Amino acid sequence: MTQITLIAATGASLPEPRQNRHLIGGTWTGSANLLDRVSPSHGVVVSRSAVGTAADTEAAIAAARAAFDDGRWSGLSAKARAAVLHRVADLIEANVERFALIETLESGKPITQSRGEIAGAADLWRYAAGLGRDITGDSHNTLGPDMLATVLKEPIGVVSIITPWNFPFWILSQKLPFALAAGCTCVVKPSEFTPSTTAMLGELLIEAGLPAGVVNIVLGTGTPVGSLMSSHPAVDMVTFTGSTAVGKLISRTASDTLKKVALELGGKNPQVIFPDADLEAAADAVVFGVYFNVGQCCNSGSRIIVHEDIAEAFIARVVDLSRQVAFGDPLSPDTQVGAIVTPEHNARIHGYVQAAVAAGARVALGGAALPVPGLGAQFYQPTVICDVTPDMAIARDEVFGPVLSVLTFRTLDQALSLVNDASYGLSAGVWSENVHTCLAFARGAQAGTIWTNTWMDGFPEVPFGGMKQSGQGREIGRQGLEEFLEIKSLVLRIGRTRAPWVKTRPA
């Protein structure tokens, strides 16, 4: 069944391919090899990027190390650092349209969502700037009349930042401004699929007055760039967003030097719908949750757990709303679901759907790739899969596409059992008008974020991160800043009151 709302090619004129280079020690640097990024939606080369080598990565790490050790950034006052971050935020807001266009062409996401991502990231930079001015420690003045101790918080040092392709600018902005606000220096590697907005941010950092070497950008692939950024002894911390499999590899690699690792990984995020919920609002949130960013989102609400008494009617409403979701050319302002990032990923998504059907699940809507007139076949239509059982891969694995799995339950305990029967624990949601039900669910669900009668509302003030195999550490919020700080205890004796340990004998 392919009854959906289709947006054909708009015929918009496309820019010339963007040329991206590394930023190392304040200097833009090319490479002998270049990597072309073909737009998943439009099938043309939209960017051509330098391919980083081990030597490039070593140079970037050395530049970050030197910049940290000489204090050109960490030695500034928090006020001075915040001023730079605020200027970056202003420049981001002045360049939203330029950044959004290249991000849509590289990723395939709808242009309206790219605009929201870029504009919203400016708020993260401003919030981090303010937090950086309020880093405080503790003092202990009850240790005795001759003792005083203080607990200091200092920047951890050189941070490697490795970001994914699905939200290349937003996720970078969940990490980089907080690391900078803490006083760290950084080496950044974006995904080779979506490198441009990171390189463009490098231009804004220079314009904002960030000292050379404080942020270095190396383009390229996981090997050698990402692996060296994770293993190098001059790096003090790695923060990574991506798949759980790669996150585990980074943890193993980083363990040889015992550097700190922060990971934001996969999710198989459930929404549980009780009969007393506002079902119209819940259905709309379910559709948003699974199709936003083409379903290529770690927070995607990719499985719903619906009470048996309302399951049939609720699924019918979700299917009806799914048909009305605008699907097609991501350059149209009306489009809500765009292209899949690569042909291989498109095939992977379809493989999960086929396996579910073979195991007895039923396709209520979609279930196949669907070419968009004038653009091509790298699109997967909004899909709803019913009669899913908890043992099916589509109910347990992160499909990372516009595919919704539907399960049912009878009791709260059964719902929580289904929610927690997963290796992931990133986020979960509950829909009910009963506050007792919502609180019991929030306490019982094993997830880093619990949404109640909403989905995917986020704020710079509220930390984000997962439990179990969804990661470790937190991003944004005060806790996100503290990930980049090291604790140092300072113990002072007041006056010469220490009794000698060695008892001297008379000569």
Protein backbone atom coordinates (compact mmCIF):
# COMPACT_ATOMS: atom_id res chain seq x y z
CA MET A 1 0.00 0.00 0.00
CA THR A 2 1.55 3.33 -1.11
CA GLN A 3 -1.21 5.85 -0.35
CA ILE A 4 0.96 8.63 1.00
CA THR A 5 1.42 12.36 0.47
CA LEU A 6 4.18 12.66 -2.12
CA ILE A 7 6.23 15.80 -2.81
CA ALA A 8 7.89 15.58 -6.23
CA ALA A 9 11.15 17.29 -7.18
CA THR A 10 10.94 21.05 -6.83
CA GLY A 11 13.47 21.72 -9.56
CA ALA A 12 15.44 24.01 -7.28
CA SER A 13 18.84 25.11 -8.54
CA LEU A 14 21.73 23.54 -6.66
CA PRO A 15 24.98 25.21 -5.61
CA GLU A 16 28.39 24.24 -6.93
CA PRO A 17 30.09 21.51 -4.85
CA ARG A 18 31.60 22.91 -1.69
CA GLN A 19 35.35 22.38 -1.15
CA ASN A 20 36.21 21.32 2.41
CA ARG A 21 39.67 21.30 4.01
CA HIS A 22 41.11 20.48 7.41
CA LEU A 23 41.64 23.18 10.03
CA ILE A 24 44.90 22.45 11.87
CA GLY A 25 46.59 24.94 14.16
CA GLY A 26 44.55 27.78 12.69
CA THR A 27 45.52 26.97 9.09
CA TRP A 28 43.31 25.48 6.38
CA THR A 29 45.05 22.40 4.99
CA GLY A 30 44.28 20.22 1.99
CA SER A 31 45.00 16.55 1.25
CA ALA A 32 46.25 14.62 -1.73
CA ASN A 33 43.02 12.59 -1.74
CA LEU A 34 39.49 13.98 -1.91
CA LEU A 35 36.16 12.40 -1.09
CA ASP A 36 33.01 13.33 -3.01
CA ARG A 37 29.68 13.40 -1.21
CA VAL A 38 26.77 12.58 -3.52
CA SER A 39 23.47 13.97 -2.30
CA PRO A 40 21.15 11.11 -1.26
CA SER A 41 18.17 13.09 -2.50
CA HIS A 42 19.45 14.72 -5.67
CA GLY A 43 22.17 12.34 -6.86
CA VAL A 44 24.78 15.02 -7.58
CA VAL A 45 28.10 15.82 -5.92
CA VAL A 46 27.44 18.50 -3.29
CA SER A 47 30.78 18.57 -1.49
CA ARG A 48 34.36 17.52 -2.05
CA SER A 49 36.41 17.05 1.10
CA ALA A 50 40.01 16.44 2.04
CA VAL A 51 40.68 12.93 3.33
CA GLY A 52 42.67 13.01 6.53
CA THR A 53 45.77 10.90 7.05
CA ALA A 54 47.50 9.76 10.22
CA ALA A 55 49.93 12.65 9.75
CA ASP A 56 47.06 15.15 9.55
CA THR A 57 45.54 13.72 12.71
CA GLU A 58 48.86 13.78 14.55
CA ALA A 59 49.32 17.41 13.57
CA ALA A 60 45.83 18.34 14.78
CA ILE A 61 46.33 16.60 18.11
CA ALA A 62 49.71 18.27 18.55
CA ALA A 63 48.14 21.67 17.84
CA ALA A 64 45.39 21.06 20.39
CA ARG A 65 47.93 19.84 22.95
CA ALA A 66 50.12 22.90 22.51
CA ALA A 67 47.12 25.23 22.72
CA PHE A 68 46.00 23.64 25.97
CA ASP A 69 49.40 23.45 27.59
CA ASP A 70 50.33 27.07 26.96
CA GLY A 71 47.01 28.29 28.38
CA ARG A 72 46.02 30.47 25.42
CA TRP A 73 42.40 29.35 26.01
CA SER A 74 42.21 27.71 29.45
CA GLY A 75 44.16 30.62 30.89
CA LEU A 76 41.57 33.17 29.79
CA SER A 77 38.90 34.31 32.18
CA ALA A 78 35.52 32.63 31.87
CA LYS A 79 34.15 36.02 30.79
CA ALA A 80 36.58 36.20 27.88
CA ARG A 81 35.80 32.63 26.77
CA ALA A 82 32.07 33.30 27.01
CA ALA A 83 32.40 36.37 24.81
CA VAL A 84 33.86 34.23 22.01
CA LEU A 85 31.10 31.62 22.36
CA HIS A 86 28.43 34.33 22.20
CA ARG A 87 29.99 35.70 19.02
CA VAL A 88 29.90 32.20 17.52
CA ALA A 89 26.18 31.97 18.37
CA ASP A 90 25.53 35.28 16.64
CA LEU A 91 27.39 34.11 13.53
CA ILE A 92 25.47 30.82 13.46
CA GLU A 93 22.18 32.71 13.46
CA ALA A 94 23.41 34.94 10.64
CA ASN A 95 24.22 31.89 8.49
CA VAL A 96 21.26 29.58 9.10
CA GLU A 97 20.10 29.39 5.49
CA ARG A 98 23.58 28.75 4.07
CA PHE A 99 24.28 25.98 6.60
CA ALA A 100 20.82 24.42 6.28
CA LEU A 101 21.02 24.08 2.51
CA ILE A 102 24.28 22.12 2.48
CA GLU A 103 23.17 19.99 5.43
CA THR A 104 19.96 19.02 3.61
CA LEU A 105 21.84 18.19 0.42
CA GLU A 106 24.44 16.07 2.26
CA SER A 107 22.07 14.28 4.66
CA GLY A 108 18.73 14.12 2.84
CA LYS A 109 16.77 15.59 5.75
CA PRO A 110 13.99 18.12 5.04
CA ILE A 111 15.13 21.72 4.74
CA THR A 112 12.78 22.92 7.48
CA GLN A 113 14.35 20.45 9.91
CA SER A 114 17.86 21.56 8.89
CA ARG A 115 16.91 25.18 9.54
CA GLY A 116 15.57 24.26 12.95
CA GLU A 117 18.72 22.30 13.78
CA ILE A 118 21.10 25.11 12.84
CA ALA A 119 19.10 27.90 14.46
CA GLY A 120 18.51 25.85 17.61
CA ALA A 121 22.21 25.10 17.94
CA ALA A 122 22.91 28.79 18.55
CA ASP A 123 21.01 28.47 21.83
CA LEU A 124 23.32 25.64 22.89
CA TRP A 125 26.35 27.89 22.35
CA ARG A 126 24.80 30.69 24.40
CA TYR A 127 23.78 28.36 27.21
CA ALA A 128 27.27 26.83 27.35
CA ALA A 129 28.79 30.31 27.45
CA GLY A 130 26.72 31.16 30.51
CA LEU A 131 27.51 27.87 32.24
CA GLY A 132 31.22 28.42 31.74
CA ARG A 133 31.02 31.58 33.85
CA ASP A 134 29.52 29.65 36.75
CA ILE A 135 31.98 26.78 37.25
CA THR A 136 32.29 26.38 40.99
CA GLY A 137 33.97 23.97 43.37
CA ASP A 138 33.55 23.35 47.11
CA SER A 139 35.28 24.38 50.29
CA HIS A 140 35.59 22.51 53.58
CA ASN A 141 36.28 24.73 56.56
CA THR A 142 35.25 22.30 59.31
CA LEU A 143 38.36 20.14 59.18
CA GLY A 144 39.88 21.72 62.25
CA PRO A 145 41.21 25.17 63.15
CA ASP A 146 44.45 24.64 61.25
CA MET A 147 43.11 23.07 58.04
CA LEU A 148 41.23 24.27 54.96
CA ALA A 149 40.39 22.24 51.84
CA THR A 150 38.95 23.29 48.50
CA VAL A 151 37.71 21.18 45.62
CA LEU A 152 38.63 22.68 42.25
CA LYS A 153 37.18 21.92 38.81
CA GLU A 154 39.62 22.27 35.95
CA PRO A 155 39.39 21.52 32.20
CA ILE A 156 40.21 17.92 31.43
CA GLY A 157 42.56 18.88 28.59
CA VAL A 158 42.52 17.82 24.93
CA VAL A 159 39.19 16.40 23.79
CA SER A 160 38.53 14.35 20.65
CA ILE A 161 35.01 14.94 19.33
CA ILE A 162 33.63 12.42 16.81
CA THR A 163 30.19 13.19 15.40
CA PRO A 164 27.67 11.31 13.23
CA TRP A 165 25.86 12.14 10.00
CA ASN A 166 22.25 12.32 11.20
CA PHE A 167 22.47 15.62 13.15
CA PRO A 168 25.96 16.81 12.21
CA PHE A 169 25.62 20.39 13.45
CA TRP A 170 23.31 19.86 16.42
CA ILE A 171 25.32 17.03 17.93
CA LEU A 172 28.57 18.94 17.44
CA SER A 173 26.93 21.83 19.29
CA GLN A 174 25.96 19.51 22.15
CA LYS A 175 29.66 18.84 22.67
CA LEU A 176 32.01 21.54 21.37
CA PRO A 177 30.73 24.70 23.12
CA PHE A 178 30.56 22.85 26.46
CA ALA A 179 34.13 21.60 26.05
CA LEU A 180 35.25 25.12 25.14
CA ALA A 181 33.34 26.67 28.04
CA ALA A 182 35.20 24.30 30.36
CA GLY A 183 38.53 25.52 28.95
CA CYS A 184 39.41 22.44 26.87
CA THR A 185 40.97 22.35 23.41
CA CYS A 186 39.56 20.02 20.77
CA VAL A 187 40.09 17.91 17.68
CA VAL A 188 36.87 17.33 15.73
CA LYS A 189 36.06 14.67 13.15
CA PRO A 190 32.67 14.86 11.45
CA SER A 191 31.15 12.01 9.47
CA GLU A 192 32.52 11.70 5.96
CA PHE A 193 28.88 11.79 4.76
CA THR A 194 28.15 15.23 6.25
CA PRO A 195 31.42 17.14 6.72
CA SER A 196 30.47 20.57 5.40
CA THR A 197 28.71 22.28 8.31
CA THR A 198 31.57 21.32 10.63
CA ALA A 199 34.11 22.83 8.24
CA MET A 200 31.90 25.89 7.86
CA LEU A 201 31.76 26.24 11.65
CA GLY A 202 35.56 26.37 11.60
CA GLU A 203 35.27 29.52 9.53
CA LEU A 204 32.92 31.05 12.09
CA LEU A 205 35.25 30.13 14.96
CA ILE A 206 38.09 32.01 13.30
CA GLU A 207 35.83 34.99 12.62
CA ALA A 208 34.68 34.98 16.26
CA GLY A 209 38.29 35.25 17.46
CA LEU A 210 38.96 31.78 18.81
CA PRO A 211 42.74 31.40 19.20
CA ALA A 212 44.50 29.20 16.65
CA GLY A 213 44.84 25.55 17.65
CA VAL A 214 42.01 25.59 20.18
CA VAL A 215 39.68 23.81 17.75
CA ASN A 216 41.14 21.64 15.00
CA ILE A 217 39.07 19.83 12.37
CA VAL A 218 40.23 16.72 10.54
CA LEU A 219 37.98 15.36 7.80
CA GLY A 220 37.96 11.76 6.63
CA THR A 221 37.10 8.28 7.79
CA GLY A 222 37.15 6.32 11.02
CA THR A 223 40.45 4.75 10.05
CA PRO A 224 42.92 6.32 10.44
CA VAL A 225 41.42 9.58 11.75
CA GLY A 226 38.88 8.42 14.33
CA SER A 227 40.96 5.52 15.59
CA LEU A 228 43.99 7.73 16.18
CA MET A 229 41.87 10.36 17.90
CA SER A 230 40.66 7.61 20.26
CA SER A 231 44.04 6.06 21.00
CA HIS A 232 46.54 8.91 21.03
CA PRO A 233 48.23 9.41 24.42
CA ALA A 234 48.11 13.21 24.04
CA VAL A 235 44.30 13.11 24.03
CA ASP A 236 42.68 13.24 27.47
CA MET A 237 39.07 12.47 26.54
CA VAL A 238 36.97 11.15 23.66
CA THR A 239 33.32 12.04 23.19
CA PHE A 240 31.51 10.10 20.49
CA THR A 241 27.97 9.90 19.14
CA GLY A 242 27.08 7.02 16.84
CA SER A 243 26.37 3.33 16.80
CA THR A 244 26.75 1.13 19.84
CA ALA A 245 29.14 -1.15 17.95
CA VAL A 246 31.53 1.72 17.17
CA GLY A 247 31.14 3.08 20.69
CA LYS A 248 32.33 -0.24 22.11
CA LEU A 249 35.31 -0.17 19.73
CA ILE A 250 36.23 3.34 20.87
CA SER A 251 36.03 2.26 24.53
CA ARG A 252 38.38 -0.64 23.86
CA THR A 253 40.78 1.56 21.92
CA ALA A 254 40.78 4.32 24.54
CA SER A 255 41.34 1.88 27.40
CA ASP A 256 45.02 1.46 26.53
CA THR A 257 45.67 5.03 27.64
CA LEU A 258 42.89 5.15 30.27
CA LYS A 259 41.45 8.34 28.77
CA LYS A 260 37.93 9.38 29.67
CA VAL A 261 35.21 8.27 27.24
CA ALA A 262 31.71 9.75 26.87
CA LEU A 263 29.33 7.90 24.55
CA GLU A 264 25.88 8.70 23.17
CA LEU A 265 24.84 5.59 21.29
CA GLY A 266 21.80 3.82 19.93
CA GLY A 267 18.23 3.53 21.11
CA LYS A 268 15.10 1.46 20.59
CA ASN A 269 12.82 3.95 22.22
CA PRO A 270 9.28 2.98 23.24
CA GLN A 271 6.13 5.03 23.72
CA VAL A 272 3.50 3.36 25.90
CA ILE A 273 -0.10 4.43 25.28
CA PHE A 274 -2.75 3.84 27.94
CA PRO A 275 -6.51 3.95 27.21
CA ASP A 276 -7.04 7.15 29.25
CA ALA A 277 -4.50 9.14 27.23
CA ASP A 278 -5.28 12.01 24.89
CA LEU A 279 -5.19 9.61 21.96
CA GLU A 280 -5.23 12.27 19.25
CA ALA A 281 -2.18 14.00 20.74
CA ALA A 282 -0.49 10.64 21.30
CA ALA A 283 -1.04 9.53 17.70
CA ASP A 284 0.39 12.79 16.36
CA ALA A 285 3.44 12.48 18.65
CA VAL A 286 3.99 8.87 17.57
CA VAL A 287 3.99 9.90 13.91
CA PHE A 288 6.37 12.78 14.63
CA GLY A 289 8.61 10.57 16.74
CA VAL A 290 9.17 7.92 14.11
CA TYR A 291 9.38 10.06 10.95
CA PHE A 292 11.31 13.09 12.19
CA ASN A 293 14.71 13.27 10.49
CA VAL A 294 13.57 10.39 8.27
CA GLY A 295 13.61 8.15 11.34
CA GLN A 296 17.40 8.42 11.38
CA CYS A 297 17.50 9.58 14.97
CA CYS A 298 18.84 7.93 18.12
CA ASN A 299 15.75 9.26 19.92
CA SER A 300 13.34 7.94 17.30
CA GLY A 301 10.15 6.56 18.83
CA SER A 302 10.53 3.46 16.71
CA ARG A 303 8.32 1.16 18.77
CA ILE A 304 4.97 1.80 20.41
CA ILE A 305 3.39 -0.36 23.06
CA VAL A 306 -0.39 0.13 22.95
CA HIS A 307 -3.02 -1.11 25.39
CA GLU A 308 -5.01 -3.94 23.84
CA ASP A 309 -8.37 -2.19 24.41
CA ILE A 310 -7.46 0.69 22.08
CA ALA A 311 -4.86 -0.93 19.83
CA GLU A 312 -6.96 -1.38 16.70
CA ALA A 313 -8.40 2.14 16.67
CA PHE A 314 -5.09 3.75 17.66
CA ILE A 315 -3.13 1.95 14.95
CA ALA A 316 -5.73 2.98 12.39
CA ARG A 317 -5.30 6.61 13.43
CA VAL A 318 -1.50 6.36 13.24
CA VAL A 319 -1.73 4.84 9.76
CA ASP A 320 -4.11 7.59 8.65
CA LEU A 321 -1.80 10.30 9.94
CA SER A 322 1.21 8.57 8.38
CA ARG A 323 -0.46 8.79 4.98
CA GLN A 324 -0.73 12.54 5.44
CA VAL A 325 2.97 13.01 6.24
CA ALA A 326 4.58 14.90 3.34
CA PHE A 327 7.23 12.63 1.82
CA GLY A 328 9.68 13.54 -0.93
CA ASP A 329 12.01 16.33 -2.05
CA PRO A 330 13.77 17.61 1.09
CA LEU A 331 14.25 21.03 -0.53
CA SER A 332 10.51 21.64 -0.43
CA PRO A 333 9.43 23.52 2.70
CA ASP A 334 6.39 21.22 2.86
CA THR A 335 8.39 17.98 3.07
CA GLN A 336 8.48 16.17 6.43
CA VAL A 337 10.26 12.95 5.39
CA GLY A 338 13.25 13.14 3.06
CA ALA A 339 15.91 10.77 1.74
CA ILE A 340 17.87 7.92 3.35
CA VAL A 341 21.55 8.69 3.87
CA THR A 342 23.01 5.92 1.66
CA PRO A 343 21.70 3.17 -0.64
CA GLU A 344 23.23 0.59 1.70
CA HIS A 345 21.30 1.96 4.65
CA ASN A 346 18.11 1.98 2.58
CA ALA A 347 18.64 -1.73 1.89
CA ARG A 348 19.35 -2.38 5.58
CA ILE A 349 16.04 -0.79 6.59
CA HIS A 350 14.16 -2.88 4.06
CA GLY A 351 15.91 -6.01 5.30
CA TYR A 352 14.42 -5.49 8.77
CA VAL A 353 10.94 -5.06 7.30
CA GLN A 354 11.24 -8.19 5.17
CA ALA A 355 12.51 -10.22 8.12
CA ALA A 356 9.58 -9.06 10.26
CA VAL A 357 7.06 -10.05 7.60
CA ALA A 358 8.72 -13.44 7.22
CA ALA A 359 8.40 -13.88 11.00
CA GLY A 360 4.65 -13.16 10.93
CA ALA A 361 4.36 -9.38 11.24
CA ARG A 362 1.92 -7.42 9.09
CA VAL A 363 2.64 -4.28 7.06
CA ALA A 364 -0.16 -1.79 7.72
CA LEU A 365 1.46 0.94 5.62
CA GLY A 366 4.50 1.30 3.39
CA GLY A 367 7.08 -1.44 3.66
CA ALA A 368 9.27 -0.59 0.68
CA ALA A 369 11.49 1.99 -0.92
CA LEU A 370 9.58 4.42 -3.08
CA PRO A 371 11.23 6.52 -5.82
CA VAL A 372 10.36 10.22 -5.79
CA PRO A 373 9.55 11.67 -9.23
CA GLY A 374 12.51 13.63 -10.53
CA LEU A 375 14.88 12.54 -7.76
CA GLY A 376 15.45 8.80 -7.58
CA ALA A 377 15.07 5.75 -5.39
CA GLN A 378 16.99 6.60 -2.21
CA PHE A 379 13.78 7.08 -0.23
CA TYR A 380 11.89 4.75 2.11
CA GLN A 381 8.22 5.42 2.57
CA PRO A 382 6.61 5.86 6.00
CA THR A 383 6.01 2.35 7.30
CA VAL A 384 3.90 0.84 10.09
CA ILE A 385 4.44 -2.80 11.10
CA CYS A 386 1.80 -4.52 13.26
CA ASP A 387 1.56 -7.93 14.96
CA VAL A 388 5.14 -7.52 16.12
CA THR A 389 6.36 -9.84 18.85
CA PRO A 390 9.12 -8.94 21.35
CA ASP A 391 11.53 -11.52 19.95
CA MET A 392 11.58 -10.04 16.41
CA ALA A 393 14.67 -8.09 15.37
CA ILE A 394 12.49 -5.17 14.31
CA ALA A 395 11.31 -4.88 17.93
CA ARG A 396 14.80 -5.04 19.43
CA ASP A 397 17.31 -3.54 16.99
CA GLU A 398 17.79 0.07 15.99
CA VAL A 399 16.41 0.14 12.43
CA PHE A 400 17.25 3.86 12.02
CA GLY A 401 14.60 4.60 9.42
CA PRO A 402 10.95 5.66 9.06
CA VAL A 403 9.62 2.33 10.36
CA LEU A 404 7.27 1.97 13.34
CA SER A 405 6.88 -1.33 15.20
CA VAL A 406 3.65 -1.90 17.15
CA LEU A 407 3.33 -4.15 20.20
CA THR A 408 0.47 -4.44 22.71
CA PHE A 409 0.08 -4.84 26.49
CA ARG A 410 -2.58 -5.30 29.18
CA THR A 411 -1.02 -4.11 32.46
CA LEU A 412 1.51 -1.53 33.58
CA ASP A 413 3.86 -4.27 34.73
CA GLN A 414 3.64 -5.95 31.35
CA ALA A 415 4.31 -2.63 29.59
CA LEU A 416 7.38 -1.98 31.75
CA SER A 417 8.64 -5.48 31.08
CA LEU A 418 8.43 -4.84 27.33
CA VAL A 419 10.06 -1.41 27.71
CA ASN A 420 13.00 -2.78 29.69
CA ASP A 421 13.46 -5.95 27.65
CA ALA A 422 16.05 -4.23 25.47
CA SER A 423 19.78 -3.72 25.45
CA TYR A 424 19.18 0.01 24.96
CA GLY A 425 18.00 2.60 27.47
CA LEU A 426 18.10 6.01 25.83
CA SER A 427 14.55 7.34 26.13
CA ALA A 428 10.98 6.21 26.76
CA GLY A 429 7.56 7.82 26.80
CA VAL A 430 4.20 7.31 28.51
CA TRP A 431 0.79 8.62 27.55
CA SER A 432 -1.84 8.73 30.29
CA GLU A 433 -3.98 11.31 32.08
CA ASN A 434 -3.34 9.49 35.37
CA VAL A 435 -0.40 11.04 37.19
CA HIS A 436 0.09 7.89 39.26
CA THR A 437 0.46 5.82 36.11
CA CYS A 438 2.97 8.30 34.69
CA LEU A 439 5.07 8.41 37.86
CA ALA A 440 5.07 4.63 38.25
CA PHE A 441 6.17 4.31 34.63
CA ALA A 442 8.89 6.97 35.03
CA ARG A 443 10.31 5.18 38.05
CA GLY A 444 10.21 1.75 36.45
CA ALA A 445 11.46 2.53 32.93
CA GLN A 446 15.19 2.02 32.40
CA ALA A 447 16.01 5.03 30.23
CA GLY A 448 17.99 8.24 30.49
CA THR A 449 15.04 10.42 29.49
CA ILE A 450 11.36 9.81 30.23
CA TRP A 451 8.79 11.86 28.34
CA THR A 452 5.29 12.13 29.75
CA ASN A 453 2.47 13.11 27.38
CA THR A 454 5.01 14.48 24.91
CA TRP A 455 7.91 13.23 22.80
CA MET A 456 11.35 14.57 22.01
CA ASP A 457 11.03 17.92 23.72
CA GLY A 458 14.55 18.97 24.63
CA PHE A 459 16.14 21.97 26.30
CA PRO A 460 19.78 23.07 26.76
CA GLU A 461 19.23 23.03 30.51
CA VAL A 462 18.19 19.36 30.66
CA PRO A 463 20.94 16.69 30.39
CA PHE A 464 20.70 14.01 27.73
CA GLY A 465 22.18 10.53 27.65
CA GLY A 466 21.39 6.87 28.02
CA MET A 467 21.53 3.83 30.24
CA LYS A 468 22.71 0.31 29.40
CA GLN A 469 24.10 0.08 25.85
CA SER A 470 22.78 3.50 24.91
CA GLY A 471 25.94 5.06 26.28
CA GLN A 472 27.68 6.62 29.24
CA GLY A 473 27.96 10.18 30.43
CA ARG A 474 25.63 13.09 29.73
CA GLU A 475 25.47 15.91 27.23
CA ILE A 476 24.10 19.45 27.64
CA GLY A 477 22.81 20.81 30.92
CA ARG A 478 25.18 21.47 33.80
CA GLN A 479 26.07 17.78 33.78
CA GLY A 480 27.14 18.08 30.14
CA LEU A 481 29.64 20.78 31.04
CA GLU A 482 30.98 18.78 33.98
CA GLU A 483 31.88 15.90 31.65
CA PHE A 484 34.76 18.10 30.47
CA LEU A 485 36.02 18.99 33.95
CA GLU A 486 38.55 17.24 36.18
CA ILE A 487 38.32 17.31 39.97
CA LYS A 488 41.35 18.48 41.97
CA SER A 489 41.46 18.58 45.76
CA LEU A 490 43.57 21.27 47.41
CA VAL A 491 44.40 20.77 51.10
CA LEU A 492 46.00 23.66 53.01
CA ARG A 493 47.48 23.78 56.49
CA ILE A 494 47.10 27.17 58.11
CA GLY A 495 50.25 28.21 59.92
CA ARG A 496 53.08 25.94 61.08
CA THR A 497 50.92 23.66 63.17
CA ARG A 498 51.87 20.23 61.82
CA ALA A 499 53.45 18.02 64.48
CA PRO A 500 56.66 16.38 63.23
CA TRP A 501 56.33 12.72 62.28
CA VAL A 502 60.01 11.93 62.87
CA LYS A 503 61.00 12.27 66.46
CA THR A 504 64.56 13.54 66.57
CA ARG A 505 66.92 12.23 69.24
CA PRO A 506 69.44 14.36 71.07
CA ALA A 507 72.93 14.08 69.67
